[in-house]
Amino acid sequence: MEDIFSKGLLLLIPFYIFSHEKNFKVYNNNEQKLAELKAEYHDILKRLDNLEQEGTIGAFDKRTIIEFSSDVIREIAQKYENVQKGVGDIMGGALIETEARTILNRGKAEGRDETKKEMALRMLQDGELSIDKVAKYSGLDIAEVELLVGLQNV
């Protein structure tokens, strides 16, 4: 783990759990060993938090690493409920809508809206369609198309 952080190979963090896979049976049945593994993952989260606070990584990158880690843990520890629950919960498994997904979905929605507006502007520039038709074909509200008409005339 030290090499991953020192070399900036943070995207390898989700796969770090593979280094522990051979010991899952032990972790699953030994609370002390599981506590040690959980402590290691608490340390990973703390280090990611510090990197985010320093501005080395952004919130999106941090949440993506956590989500991928949670996904990998869920998949490879399926037979080991204590490992899956213990480490998976630490890595954000309890989050329903994560910040990374929220940012991604907001970006997609903004991109779609921008594409719709660009399409509507092209239709308006052609001058062959009414505002109603442009709204219908672009998927925008009539008020949004009217606003584009106003901006176009400025």
N, C-alpha and C. Protein backbone atom coordinates (compact mmCIF):
# COMPACT_ATOMS: atom_id res chain seq x y z
N MET A 1 0.83 -1.19 0.00
CA MET A 1 0.00 0.00 0.00
C MET A 1 0.88 1.25 0.00
N GLU A 2 1.99 1.16 0.68
CA GLU A 2 2.89 2.32 0.74
C GLU A 2 3.36 2.71 -0.66
N ASP A 3 3.71 1.72 -1.48
CA ASP A 3 4.13 1.99 -2.86
C ASP A 3 3.02 2.63 -3.68
N ILE A 4 1.81 2.17 -3.48
CA ILE A 4 0.67 2.71 -4.24
C ILE A 4 0.54 4.20 -3.97
N PHE A 5 0.62 4.60 -2.69
CA PHE A 5 0.50 6.02 -2.35
C PHE A 5 1.74 6.81 -2.75
N SER A 6 2.91 6.27 -2.49
CA SER A 6 4.13 7.03 -2.78
C SER A 6 4.35 7.23 -4.28
N LYS A 7 3.89 6.28 -5.09
CA LYS A 7 4.06 6.40 -6.54
C LYS A 7 2.84 6.99 -7.23
N GLY A 8 1.82 7.34 -6.44
CA GLY A 8 0.63 7.96 -7.01
C GLY A 8 -0.21 7.00 -7.84
N LEU A 9 -0.14 5.72 -7.54
CA LEU A 9 -0.88 4.71 -8.30
C LEU A 9 -2.23 4.41 -7.62
N LEU A 10 -2.96 5.46 -7.32
CA LEU A 10 -4.17 5.34 -6.51
C LEU A 10 -5.25 4.47 -7.15
N LEU A 11 -5.25 4.39 -8.46
CA LEU A 11 -6.26 3.55 -9.11
C LEU A 11 -6.03 2.06 -8.88
N LEU A 12 -4.89 1.72 -8.27
CA LEU A 12 -4.66 0.32 -7.91
C LEU A 12 -5.28 -0.04 -6.56
N ILE A 13 -5.71 0.95 -5.81
CA ILE A 13 -6.28 0.69 -4.48
C ILE A 13 -7.44 -0.31 -4.53
N PRO A 14 -8.36 -0.20 -5.48
CA PRO A 14 -9.45 -1.19 -5.50
C PRO A 14 -8.96 -2.64 -5.60
N PHE A 15 -7.81 -2.82 -6.20
CA PHE A 15 -7.30 -4.18 -6.41
C PHE A 15 -6.37 -4.65 -5.30
N TYR A 16 -6.10 -3.75 -4.37
CA TYR A 16 -5.23 -4.09 -3.24
C TYR A 16 -5.81 -5.24 -2.42
N ILE A 17 -7.11 -5.35 -2.37
CA ILE A 17 -7.76 -6.40 -1.58
C ILE A 17 -7.32 -7.79 -2.06
N PHE A 18 -6.92 -7.90 -3.31
CA PHE A 18 -6.46 -9.20 -3.81
C PHE A 18 -5.24 -9.70 -3.03
N SER A 19 -4.45 -8.80 -2.49
CA SER A 19 -3.27 -9.23 -1.72
C SER A 19 -3.69 -9.91 -0.41
N HIS A 20 -4.94 -9.73 -0.02
CA HIS A 20 -5.45 -10.35 1.21
C HIS A 20 -6.35 -11.55 0.94
N GLU A 21 -6.64 -11.82 -0.31
CA GLU A 21 -7.64 -12.83 -0.65
C GLU A 21 -7.34 -14.21 -0.05
N LYS A 22 -6.08 -14.60 -0.03
CA LYS A 22 -5.73 -15.92 0.48
C LYS A 22 -6.03 -16.05 1.98
N ASN A 23 -6.21 -14.92 2.67
CA ASN A 23 -6.47 -14.93 4.11
C ASN A 23 -7.93 -14.67 4.47
N PHE A 24 -8.80 -14.61 3.48
CA PHE A 24 -10.21 -14.29 3.75
C PHE A 24 -10.83 -15.24 4.78
N LYS A 25 -10.52 -16.51 4.69
CA LYS A 25 -11.10 -17.49 5.61
C LYS A 25 -10.68 -17.16 7.05
N VAL A 26 -9.42 -16.79 7.20
CA VAL A 26 -8.92 -16.42 8.54
C VAL A 26 -9.63 -15.16 9.02
N TYR A 27 -9.67 -14.12 8.16
CA TYR A 27 -10.33 -12.87 8.54
C TYR A 27 -11.79 -13.10 8.90
N ASN A 28 -12.43 -13.94 8.14
CA ASN A 28 -13.87 -14.18 8.33
C ASN A 28 -14.16 -14.83 9.68
N ASN A 29 -13.21 -15.63 10.17
CA ASN A 29 -13.44 -16.38 11.42
C ASN A 29 -12.67 -15.83 12.62
N ASN A 30 -11.84 -14.81 12.41
CA ASN A 30 -11.02 -14.29 13.49
C ASN A 30 -11.25 -12.78 13.60
N GLU A 31 -11.95 -12.38 14.64
CA GLU A 31 -12.31 -10.96 14.79
C GLU A 31 -11.08 -10.06 14.89
N GLN A 32 -10.03 -10.54 15.53
CA GLN A 32 -8.81 -9.74 15.67
C GLN A 32 -8.17 -9.48 14.31
N LYS A 33 -8.06 -10.53 13.50
CA LYS A 33 -7.47 -10.38 12.16
C LYS A 33 -8.35 -9.49 11.28
N LEU A 34 -9.67 -9.66 11.40
CA LEU A 34 -10.59 -8.82 10.64
C LEU A 34 -10.46 -7.36 11.07
N ALA A 35 -10.29 -7.13 12.36
CA ALA A 35 -10.11 -5.77 12.88
C ALA A 35 -8.84 -5.14 12.30
N GLU A 36 -7.80 -5.93 12.15
CA GLU A 36 -6.55 -5.43 11.56
C GLU A 36 -6.76 -5.04 10.10
N LEU A 37 -7.50 -5.88 9.37
CA LEU A 37 -7.80 -5.57 7.97
C LEU A 37 -8.66 -4.31 7.86
N LYS A 38 -9.64 -4.20 8.72
CA LYS A 38 -10.50 -3.02 8.72
C LYS A 38 -9.69 -1.76 9.05
N ALA A 39 -8.76 -1.88 10.00
CA ALA A 39 -7.90 -0.75 10.36
C ALA A 39 -7.07 -0.30 9.17
N GLU A 40 -6.62 -1.27 8.39
CA GLU A 40 -5.84 -0.93 7.18
C GLU A 40 -6.70 -0.13 6.20
N TYR A 41 -7.95 -0.52 6.05
CA TYR A 41 -8.83 0.20 5.14
C TYR A 41 -9.27 1.55 5.71
N HIS A 42 -9.38 1.66 7.02
CA HIS A 42 -9.62 2.98 7.63
C HIS A 42 -8.44 3.90 7.31
N ASP A 43 -7.24 3.36 7.39
CA ASP A 43 -6.04 4.14 7.06
C ASP A 43 -6.05 4.58 5.60
N ILE A 44 -6.47 3.69 4.71
CA ILE A 44 -6.55 4.04 3.29
C ILE A 44 -7.52 5.21 3.10
N LEU A 45 -8.69 5.12 3.74
CA LEU A 45 -9.66 6.22 3.62
C LEU A 45 -9.12 7.52 4.17
N LYS A 46 -8.43 7.43 5.30
CA LYS A 46 -7.83 8.63 5.91
C LYS A 46 -6.82 9.26 4.95
N ARG A 47 -6.01 8.43 4.33
CA ARG A 47 -5.01 8.94 3.40
C ARG A 47 -5.67 9.57 2.17
N LEU A 48 -6.74 8.95 1.69
CA LEU A 48 -7.47 9.52 0.55
C LEU A 48 -8.09 10.86 0.95
N ASP A 49 -8.64 10.93 2.16
CA ASP A 49 -9.20 12.20 2.65
C ASP A 49 -8.13 13.29 2.69
N ASN A 50 -6.95 12.93 3.18
CA ASN A 50 -5.85 13.89 3.25
C ASN A 50 -5.45 14.37 1.86
N LEU A 51 -5.37 13.44 0.91
CA LEU A 51 -5.01 13.83 -0.46
C LEU A 51 -6.06 14.76 -1.06
N GLU A 52 -7.32 14.50 -0.73
CA GLU A 52 -8.38 15.38 -1.23
C GLU A 52 -8.27 16.76 -0.59
N GLN A 53 -8.04 16.81 0.71
CA GLN A 53 -7.92 18.10 1.39
C GLN A 53 -6.71 18.89 0.90
N GLU A 54 -5.65 18.20 0.55
CA GLU A 54 -4.46 18.87 0.02
C GLU A 54 -4.67 19.35 -1.42
N GLY A 55 -5.70 18.82 -2.06
CA GLY A 55 -5.95 19.18 -3.46
C GLY A 55 -5.21 18.29 -4.44
N THR A 56 -4.59 17.22 -3.95
CA THR A 56 -3.87 16.29 -4.82
C THR A 56 -4.84 15.50 -5.69
N ILE A 57 -5.98 15.12 -5.10
CA ILE A 57 -7.03 14.46 -5.86
C ILE A 57 -8.34 15.19 -5.59
N GLY A 58 -9.26 15.05 -6.50
CA GLY A 58 -10.57 15.67 -6.33
C GLY A 58 -11.55 14.72 -5.68
N ALA A 59 -12.70 15.26 -5.32
CA ALA A 59 -13.75 14.45 -4.70
C ALA A 59 -14.21 13.34 -5.62
N PHE A 60 -14.30 13.64 -6.91
CA PHE A 60 -14.74 12.63 -7.87
C PHE A 60 -13.77 11.45 -7.90
N ASP A 61 -12.47 11.74 -7.96
CA ASP A 61 -11.46 10.67 -7.98
C ASP A 61 -11.52 9.84 -6.71
N LYS A 62 -11.62 10.51 -5.58
CA LYS A 62 -11.66 9.80 -4.30
C LYS A 62 -12.88 8.88 -4.24
N ARG A 63 -14.05 9.40 -4.57
CA ARG A 63 -15.26 8.60 -4.51
C ARG A 63 -15.21 7.44 -5.51
N THR A 64 -14.61 7.68 -6.67
CA THR A 64 -14.50 6.62 -7.67
C THR A 64 -13.63 5.49 -7.14
N ILE A 65 -12.51 5.82 -6.52
CA ILE A 65 -11.63 4.80 -5.94
C ILE A 65 -12.38 4.02 -4.86
N ILE A 66 -13.13 4.71 -4.03
CA ILE A 66 -13.88 4.06 -2.97
C ILE A 66 -14.96 3.15 -3.55
N GLU A 67 -15.67 3.63 -4.55
CA GLU A 67 -16.72 2.82 -5.17
C GLU A 67 -16.14 1.56 -5.83
N PHE A 68 -15.06 1.73 -6.58
CA PHE A 68 -14.44 0.57 -7.23
C PHE A 68 -13.95 -0.42 -6.18
N SER A 69 -13.37 0.09 -5.11
CA SER A 69 -12.89 -0.79 -4.04
C SER A 69 -14.05 -1.58 -3.45
N SER A 70 -15.13 -0.90 -3.21
CA SER A 70 -16.31 -1.56 -2.66
C SER A 70 -16.84 -2.63 -3.61
N ASP A 71 -16.87 -2.31 -4.90
CA ASP A 71 -17.34 -3.26 -5.90
C ASP A 71 -16.44 -4.50 -5.95
N VAL A 72 -15.12 -4.30 -5.93
CA VAL A 72 -14.18 -5.42 -5.99
C VAL A 72 -14.32 -6.28 -4.74
N ILE A 73 -14.40 -5.65 -3.59
CA ILE A 73 -14.55 -6.39 -2.34
C ILE A 73 -15.83 -7.23 -2.36
N ARG A 74 -16.91 -6.61 -2.80
CA ARG A 74 -18.19 -7.31 -2.86
C ARG A 74 -18.09 -8.56 -3.74
N GLU A 75 -17.39 -8.44 -4.85
CA GLU A 75 -17.28 -9.56 -5.78
C GLU A 75 -16.36 -10.68 -5.28
N ILE A 76 -15.18 -10.32 -4.79
CA ILE A 76 -14.23 -11.39 -4.46
C ILE A 76 -14.43 -11.97 -3.06
N ALA A 77 -15.20 -11.29 -2.22
CA ALA A 77 -15.42 -11.79 -0.86
C ALA A 77 -16.83 -12.32 -0.67
N GLN A 78 -17.46 -12.75 -1.74
CA GLN A 78 -18.85 -13.21 -1.67
C GLN A 78 -19.06 -14.32 -0.65
N LYS A 79 -18.10 -15.20 -0.52
CA LYS A 79 -18.23 -16.35 0.38
C LYS A 79 -17.90 -16.00 1.83
N TYR A 80 -17.43 -14.78 2.06
CA TYR A 80 -16.94 -14.40 3.39
C TYR A 80 -17.70 -13.18 3.88
N GLU A 81 -18.83 -13.43 4.50
CA GLU A 81 -19.75 -12.36 4.89
C GLU A 81 -19.10 -11.32 5.81
N ASN A 82 -18.32 -11.77 6.79
CA ASN A 82 -17.70 -10.83 7.72
C ASN A 82 -16.69 -9.92 7.02
N VAL A 83 -15.93 -10.48 6.09
CA VAL A 83 -14.96 -9.68 5.33
C VAL A 83 -15.72 -8.68 4.45
N GLN A 84 -16.71 -9.19 3.76
CA GLN A 84 -17.48 -8.34 2.84
C GLN A 84 -18.15 -7.20 3.59
N LYS A 85 -18.78 -7.53 4.70
CA LYS A 85 -19.48 -6.50 5.47
C LYS A 85 -18.49 -5.55 6.14
N GLY A 86 -17.47 -6.09 6.76
CA GLY A 86 -16.52 -5.25 7.49
C GLY A 86 -15.78 -4.28 6.61
N VAL A 87 -15.14 -4.78 5.58
CA VAL A 87 -14.34 -3.92 4.70
C VAL A 87 -15.24 -3.19 3.71
N GLY A 88 -16.27 -3.87 3.22
CA GLY A 88 -17.18 -3.24 2.26
C GLY A 88 -17.89 -2.03 2.84
N ASP A 89 -18.33 -2.14 4.09
CA ASP A 89 -18.99 -1.00 4.73
C ASP A 89 -18.03 0.17 4.89
N ILE A 90 -16.80 -0.14 5.21
CA ILE A 90 -15.80 0.92 5.37
C ILE A 90 -15.60 1.67 4.06
N MET A 91 -15.57 0.94 2.97
CA MET A 91 -15.29 1.55 1.68
C MET A 91 -16.54 2.17 1.02
N GLY A 92 -17.50 2.50 1.84
CA GLY A 92 -18.62 3.26 1.31
C GLY A 92 -19.75 2.42 0.75
N GLY A 93 -19.78 1.14 1.08
CA GLY A 93 -20.82 0.28 0.56
C GLY A 93 -22.21 0.66 1.01
N ALA A 94 -22.31 1.40 2.11
CA ALA A 94 -23.63 1.78 2.62
C ALA A 94 -24.20 2.99 1.89
N LEU A 95 -23.40 3.65 1.06
CA LEU A 95 -23.89 4.83 0.35
C LEU A 95 -24.80 4.43 -0.79
N ILE A 96 -25.94 5.09 -0.89
CA ILE A 96 -26.88 4.78 -1.96
C ILE A 96 -26.49 5.56 -3.21
N GLU A 97 -26.41 6.85 -3.09
CA GLU A 97 -26.03 7.70 -4.22
C GLU A 97 -24.73 8.37 -3.85
N THR A 98 -23.66 7.94 -4.42
CA THR A 98 -22.36 8.48 -4.06
C THR A 98 -22.11 9.80 -4.76
N GLU A 99 -21.19 10.54 -4.21
CA GLU A 99 -20.85 11.84 -4.78
C GLU A 99 -20.35 11.70 -6.21
N ALA A 100 -19.54 10.68 -6.47
CA ALA A 100 -19.01 10.48 -7.82
C ALA A 100 -20.14 10.25 -8.82
N ARG A 101 -21.10 9.40 -8.45
CA ARG A 101 -22.21 9.14 -9.35
C ARG A 101 -23.06 10.39 -9.53
N THR A 102 -23.25 11.16 -8.46
CA THR A 102 -24.02 12.39 -8.54
C THR A 102 -23.35 13.37 -9.51
N ILE A 103 -22.04 13.53 -9.38
CA ILE A 103 -21.30 14.43 -10.27
C ILE A 103 -21.40 13.95 -11.71
N LEU A 104 -21.21 12.66 -11.91
CA LEU A 104 -21.29 12.09 -13.26
C LEU A 104 -22.67 12.30 -13.86
N ASN A 105 -23.71 11.99 -13.11
CA ASN A 105 -25.07 12.14 -13.61
C ASN A 105 -25.41 13.60 -13.89
N ARG A 106 -24.95 14.51 -13.04
CA ARG A 106 -25.18 15.93 -13.28
C ARG A 106 -24.49 16.36 -14.57
N GLY A 107 -23.26 15.89 -14.76
CA GLY A 107 -22.52 16.22 -15.98
C GLY A 107 -23.20 15.68 -17.22
N LYS A 108 -23.71 14.45 -17.13
CA LYS A 108 -24.42 13.88 -18.27
C LYS A 108 -25.68 14.68 -18.59
N ALA A 109 -26.42 15.04 -17.55
CA ALA A 109 -27.65 15.81 -17.75
C ALA A 109 -27.34 17.18 -18.36
N GLU A 110 -26.30 17.84 -17.86
CA GLU A 110 -25.93 19.14 -18.41
C GLU A 110 -25.48 19.00 -19.86
N GLY A 111 -24.77 17.92 -20.14
CA GLY A 111 -24.34 17.67 -21.53
C GLY A 111 -25.52 17.45 -22.45
N ARG A 112 -26.51 16.69 -21.97
CA ARG A 112 -27.72 16.46 -22.78
C ARG A 112 -28.47 17.76 -23.00
N ASP A 113 -28.61 18.58 -21.93
CA ASP A 113 -29.30 19.85 -22.07
C ASP A 113 -28.59 20.75 -23.07
N GLU A 114 -27.25 20.76 -22.98
CA GLU A 114 -26.48 21.60 -23.91
C GLU A 114 -26.65 21.11 -25.33
N THR A 115 -26.64 19.81 -25.52
CA THR A 115 -26.83 19.24 -26.85
C THR A 115 -28.21 19.59 -27.38
N LYS A 116 -29.22 19.51 -26.54
CA LYS A 116 -30.58 19.88 -26.94
C LYS A 116 -30.64 21.34 -27.36
N LYS A 117 -29.98 22.20 -26.59
CA LYS A 117 -29.98 23.63 -26.91
C LYS A 117 -29.25 23.90 -28.22
N GLU A 118 -28.13 23.21 -28.41
CA GLU A 118 -27.39 23.39 -29.66
C GLU A 118 -28.23 22.94 -30.85
N MET A 119 -28.93 21.82 -30.68
CA MET A 119 -29.78 21.31 -31.75
C MET A 119 -30.92 22.29 -32.03
N ALA A 120 -31.53 22.81 -30.96
CA ALA A 120 -32.62 23.77 -31.12
C ALA A 120 -32.13 25.03 -31.83
N LEU A 121 -30.94 25.50 -31.46
CA LEU A 121 -30.39 26.70 -32.12
C LEU A 121 -30.19 26.46 -33.61
N ARG A 122 -29.69 25.30 -33.97
CA ARG A 122 -29.51 24.99 -35.40
C ARG A 122 -30.86 24.97 -36.13
N MET A 123 -31.87 24.39 -35.48
CA MET A 123 -33.20 24.36 -36.09
C MET A 123 -33.76 25.77 -36.24
N LEU A 124 -33.54 26.58 -35.23
CA LEU A 124 -34.03 27.97 -35.29
C LEU A 124 -33.30 28.75 -36.37
N GLN A 125 -32.01 28.53 -36.51
CA GLN A 125 -31.23 29.24 -37.52
C GLN A 125 -31.67 28.87 -38.93
N ASP A 126 -32.13 27.63 -39.11
CA ASP A 126 -32.65 27.23 -40.41
C ASP A 126 -33.91 28.01 -40.75
N GLY A 127 -34.67 28.39 -39.71
CA GLY A 127 -35.86 29.21 -39.91
C GLY A 127 -37.04 28.49 -40.54
N GLU A 128 -36.99 27.19 -40.66
CA GLU A 128 -38.07 26.46 -41.31
C GLU A 128 -39.11 25.91 -40.34
N LEU A 129 -38.78 25.89 -39.05
CA LEU A 129 -39.69 25.28 -38.07
C LEU A 129 -40.21 26.32 -37.09
N SER A 130 -41.44 26.10 -36.63
CA SER A 130 -42.02 26.98 -35.61
C SER A 130 -41.38 26.67 -34.26
N ILE A 131 -41.57 27.57 -33.31
CA ILE A 131 -41.04 27.38 -31.96
C ILE A 131 -41.60 26.10 -31.36
N ASP A 132 -42.89 25.83 -31.60
CA ASP A 132 -43.51 24.61 -31.09
C ASP A 132 -42.81 23.36 -31.62
N LYS A 133 -42.55 23.35 -32.92
CA LYS A 133 -41.89 22.19 -33.54
C LYS A 133 -40.46 22.03 -33.04
N VAL A 134 -39.74 23.15 -32.91
CA VAL A 134 -38.37 23.09 -32.41
C VAL A 134 -38.37 22.52 -30.99
N ALA A 135 -39.31 22.95 -30.16
CA ALA A 135 -39.41 22.44 -28.79
C ALA A 135 -39.69 20.94 -28.82
N LYS A 136 -40.62 20.54 -29.66
CA LYS A 136 -40.99 19.13 -29.75
C LYS A 136 -39.81 18.28 -30.21
N TYR A 137 -39.14 18.69 -31.25
CA TYR A 137 -38.04 17.89 -31.81
C TYR A 137 -36.77 17.90 -30.96
N SER A 138 -36.56 19.00 -30.24
CA SER A 138 -35.34 19.09 -29.42
C SER A 138 -35.53 18.53 -28.02
N GLY A 139 -36.79 18.42 -27.59
CA GLY A 139 -37.04 17.95 -26.23
C GLY A 139 -36.98 19.04 -25.19
N LEU A 140 -36.91 20.29 -25.63
CA LEU A 140 -36.89 21.43 -24.72
C LEU A 140 -38.31 21.94 -24.50
N ASP A 141 -38.50 22.67 -23.41
CA ASP A 141 -39.77 23.35 -23.18
C ASP A 141 -39.88 24.52 -24.15
N ILE A 142 -41.12 24.90 -24.44
CA ILE A 142 -41.35 26.05 -25.33
C ILE A 142 -40.68 27.30 -24.76
N ALA A 143 -40.76 27.48 -23.45
CA ALA A 143 -40.13 28.65 -22.81
C ALA A 143 -38.62 28.67 -23.05
N GLU A 144 -37.99 27.49 -23.00
CA GLU A 144 -36.55 27.42 -23.25
C GLU A 144 -36.23 27.79 -24.69
N VAL A 145 -37.06 27.33 -25.62
CA VAL A 145 -36.85 27.66 -27.03
C VAL A 145 -37.05 29.15 -27.26
N GLU A 146 -38.07 29.72 -26.62
CA GLU A 146 -38.31 31.16 -26.75
C GLU A 146 -37.13 31.95 -26.22
N LEU A 147 -36.55 31.47 -25.12
CA LEU A 147 -35.36 32.13 -24.58
C LEU A 147 -34.21 32.06 -25.58
N LEU A 148 -34.05 30.93 -26.24
CA LEU A 148 -33.00 30.79 -27.26
C LEU A 148 -33.26 31.74 -28.43
N VAL A 149 -34.52 31.91 -28.80
CA VAL A 149 -34.87 32.86 -29.86
C VAL A 149 -34.46 34.26 -29.46
N GLY A 150 -34.73 34.60 -28.18
CA GLY A 150 -34.33 35.91 -27.67
C GLY A 150 -32.83 36.11 -27.67
N LEU A 151 -32.11 35.07 -27.29
CA LEU A 151 -30.64 35.16 -27.28
C LEU A 151 -30.10 35.24 -28.70
N GLN A 152 -30.76 34.57 -29.60
CA GLN A 152 -30.32 34.56 -30.99
C GLN A 152 -30.47 35.93 -31.62
N ASN A 153 -31.48 36.68 -31.17
CA ASN A 153 -31.76 38.00 -31.74
C ASN A 153 -30.94 39.11 -31.09
N VAL A 154 -30.14 38.79 -30.11
CA VAL A 154 -29.34 39.80 -29.41
C VAL A 154 -28.09 40.11 -30.19
